[in-house]
Protein backbone atom coordinates (compact mmCIF):
# COMPACT_ATOMS: atom_id res chain seq x y z
CA UNK A 1 111.72 50.15 79.82
CA UNK A 2 113.83 54.27 79.35
CA UNK A 3 111.19 54.43 76.06
CA UNK A 4 108.04 54.19 79.53
CA UNK A 5 109.92 57.12 81.10
CA UNK A 6 110.23 58.73 78.02
CA UNK A 7 106.67 58.35 77.25
CA UNK A 8 105.73 59.50 80.22
CA UNK A 9 108.09 63.29 80.55
CA UNK A 10 106.42 64.18 77.23
CA UNK A 11 102.54 63.17 78.64
CA UNK A 12 102.90 64.66 81.75
CA UNK A 13 100.45 67.54 83.27
CA UNK A 14 101.23 69.30 86.28
CA UNK A 15 98.48 68.66 88.99
CA UNK A 16 97.07 71.71 90.74
CA UNK A 17 98.06 70.46 94.28
CA UNK A 18 101.69 69.60 93.26
CA UNK A 19 104.04 72.75 93.62
CA UNK A 20 106.71 74.05 91.29
CA UNK A 21 109.45 72.32 92.89
CA UNK A 22 107.44 68.97 92.86
CA UNK A 23 107.43 69.09 89.66
CA UNK A 24 111.06 69.50 88.94
CA UNK A 25 111.91 67.06 91.19
CA UNK A 26 109.49 64.72 89.13
CA UNK A 27 110.77 65.65 86.07
CA UNK A 28 114.29 65.35 87.07
CA UNK A 29 113.70 62.10 88.29
CA UNK A 30 112.30 61.02 85.48
CA UNK A 31 114.54 62.16 83.09
CA UNK A 32 117.26 60.21 84.67
CA UNK A 33 114.95 56.83 83.95
CA UNK A 34 114.45 57.70 80.54
CA UNK A 35 117.97 58.60 80.16
CA UNK A 36 120.55 57.25 82.36
CA UNK A 37 123.85 58.35 82.69
CA UNK A 38 123.08 61.03 80.25
CA UNK A 39 124.10 64.43 82.15
CA UNK A 40 124.87 66.60 79.20
CA UNK A 41 123.60 69.43 77.99
CA UNK A 42 121.35 68.64 75.65
CA UNK A 43 119.50 66.73 78.56
CA UNK A 44 119.63 70.02 80.58
CA UNK A 45 117.50 71.54 77.93
CA UNK A 46 115.08 68.66 77.43
CA UNK A 47 114.48 68.85 81.33
CA UNK A 48 113.98 72.83 81.29
CA UNK A 49 111.43 72.43 77.88
CA UNK A 50 109.52 69.42 79.92
CA UNK A 51 109.04 71.27 82.73
CA UNK A 52 107.92 74.49 81.19
CA UNK A 53 105.29 72.11 79.19
CA UNK A 54 104.50 70.51 81.95
CA UNK A 55 103.61 73.37 83.70
CA UNK A 56 100.35 73.35 82.05
CA UNK A 57 99.64 77.44 82.75
CA UNK A 58 99.67 79.18 79.54
CA UNK A 59 100.21 82.56 81.05
CA UNK A 60 103.33 81.18 83.18
CA UNK A 61 104.65 79.04 80.50
CA UNK A 62 105.13 82.22 78.04
CA UNK A 63 106.22 84.35 80.50
CA UNK A 64 109.08 81.39 81.81
CA UNK A 65 110.00 81.46 78.22
CA UNK A 66 110.65 84.95 77.82
CA UNK A 67 113.04 84.80 81.07
CA UNK A 68 115.27 82.24 78.10
CA UNK A 69 115.99 80.07 81.29
CA UNK A 70 119.19 77.69 80.03
CA UNK A 71 118.77 75.02 82.81
CA UNK A 72 115.75 73.37 84.33
CA UNK A 73 116.83 74.66 88.04
CA UNK A 74 116.66 78.28 86.06
CA UNK A 75 113.33 77.86 84.82
CA UNK A 76 112.13 76.33 88.32
CA UNK A 77 113.77 79.83 89.77
CA UNK A 78 111.72 82.21 87.23
CA UNK A 79 108.12 80.33 87.32
CA UNK A 80 108.52 80.44 90.99
CA UNK A 81 108.81 84.26 90.90
CA UNK A 82 105.91 84.44 88.16
CA UNK A 83 103.93 82.58 90.16
CA UNK A 84 104.65 84.77 93.55
CA UNK A 85 103.76 88.34 91.92
CA UNK A 86 101.18 86.78 89.68
CA UNK A 87 99.45 85.57 93.20
CA UNK A 88 100.83 89.24 95.08
CA UNK A 89 98.41 90.58 92.36
CA UNK A 90 95.47 88.87 92.29
CA UNK A 91 95.78 89.41 96.37
CA UNK A 92 95.89 92.46 95.68
CA UNK A 93 92.78 92.77 93.67
CA UNK A 94 90.86 91.52 95.96
CA UNK A 95 91.54 93.15 98.42
CA UNK A 96 90.54 96.41 96.14
CA UNK A 97 87.40 94.65 95.02
CA UNK A 98 86.59 94.33 98.75
CA UNK A 99 87.09 97.67 99.86
CA UNK A 100 84.98 99.21 96.81
CA UNK A 101 82.15 97.15 98.17
CA UNK A 102 82.48 98.57 101.42
CA UNK A 103 82.51 101.90 100.09
CA UNK A 104 79.40 103.86 100.77
CA UNK A 105 77.76 105.13 97.69
CA UNK A 106 74.73 106.95 98.50
CA UNK A 107 75.06 108.95 101.42
CA UNK A 108 78.76 109.47 100.84
CA UNK A 109 80.31 111.77 103.61
CA UNK A 110 83.76 111.85 102.21
CA UNK A 111 84.94 113.56 99.22
CA UNK A 112 86.29 111.09 96.66
CA UNK A 113 90.16 112.00 97.24
CA UNK A 114 89.50 111.40 101.36
CA UNK A 115 88.56 108.53 100.70
CA UNK A 116 90.50 107.52 98.42
CA UNK A 117 94.07 109.02 101.14
CA UNK A 118 92.17 107.10 104.02
CA UNK A 119 92.36 103.60 101.95
CA UNK A 120 95.95 104.25 100.67
CA UNK A 121 94.32 103.91 96.87
CA UNK A 122 96.72 104.72 94.26
CA UNK A 123 94.80 106.24 91.56
CA UNK A 124 96.76 105.72 88.66
CA UNK A 125 96.52 102.08 89.39
CA UNK A 126 95.34 99.77 86.75
CA UNK A 127 93.45 97.70 88.88
CA UNK A 128 91.62 100.93 90.14
CA UNK A 129 89.77 101.04 87.05
CA UNK A 130 88.13 97.84 87.54
CA UNK A 131 87.57 99.61 91.16
CA UNK A 132 85.91 101.95 89.80
CA UNK A 133 83.95 100.54 87.38
CA UNK A 134 82.45 98.20 89.89
CA UNK A 135 81.24 101.51 92.05
CA UNK A 136 79.79 103.22 88.93
CA UNK A 137 77.62 99.75 87.62
CA UNK A 138 76.73 99.30 91.99
CA UNK A 139 75.55 102.96 92.27
CA UNK A 140 73.36 102.69 88.70
CA UNK A 141 71.80 99.78 90.63
CA UNK A 142 70.88 101.13 93.70
CA UNK A 143 69.24 104.12 91.34
CA UNK A 144 67.62 102.34 89.35
CA UNK A 145 66.29 99.65 92.64
CA UNK A 146 64.71 103.41 94.10
CA UNK A 147 62.69 104.28 90.75
């Protein structure tokens, strides 16, 4: 019976609707069933490794490994923080792209500097390159259509 749980741990992948906390709890439960009575440092490291491997997100897995967590709990905490940061960056990117789409290209009444100040955009931020490129592409498309 223990071999069944050991195999299940190795074959497990994170489902998109499962939170990181639920995944860690599931790994911990399977570890208790697969290795009953074993509370050693080695079993904790094994649980941590299984958790990181089943994240099913290569970028999150890599960044979590870079943090060098020693336990399942520290790997969980690190992964949660990384996921929050990733979601915040994605949200900011969507906001910037939405603002760039609503920015008037032709007949612009404000200077570029005034528009940046009014929209609180940091000119040196790397994500603004994407916004600038999308504005430039939209401008060129409008120019081509008017010909």
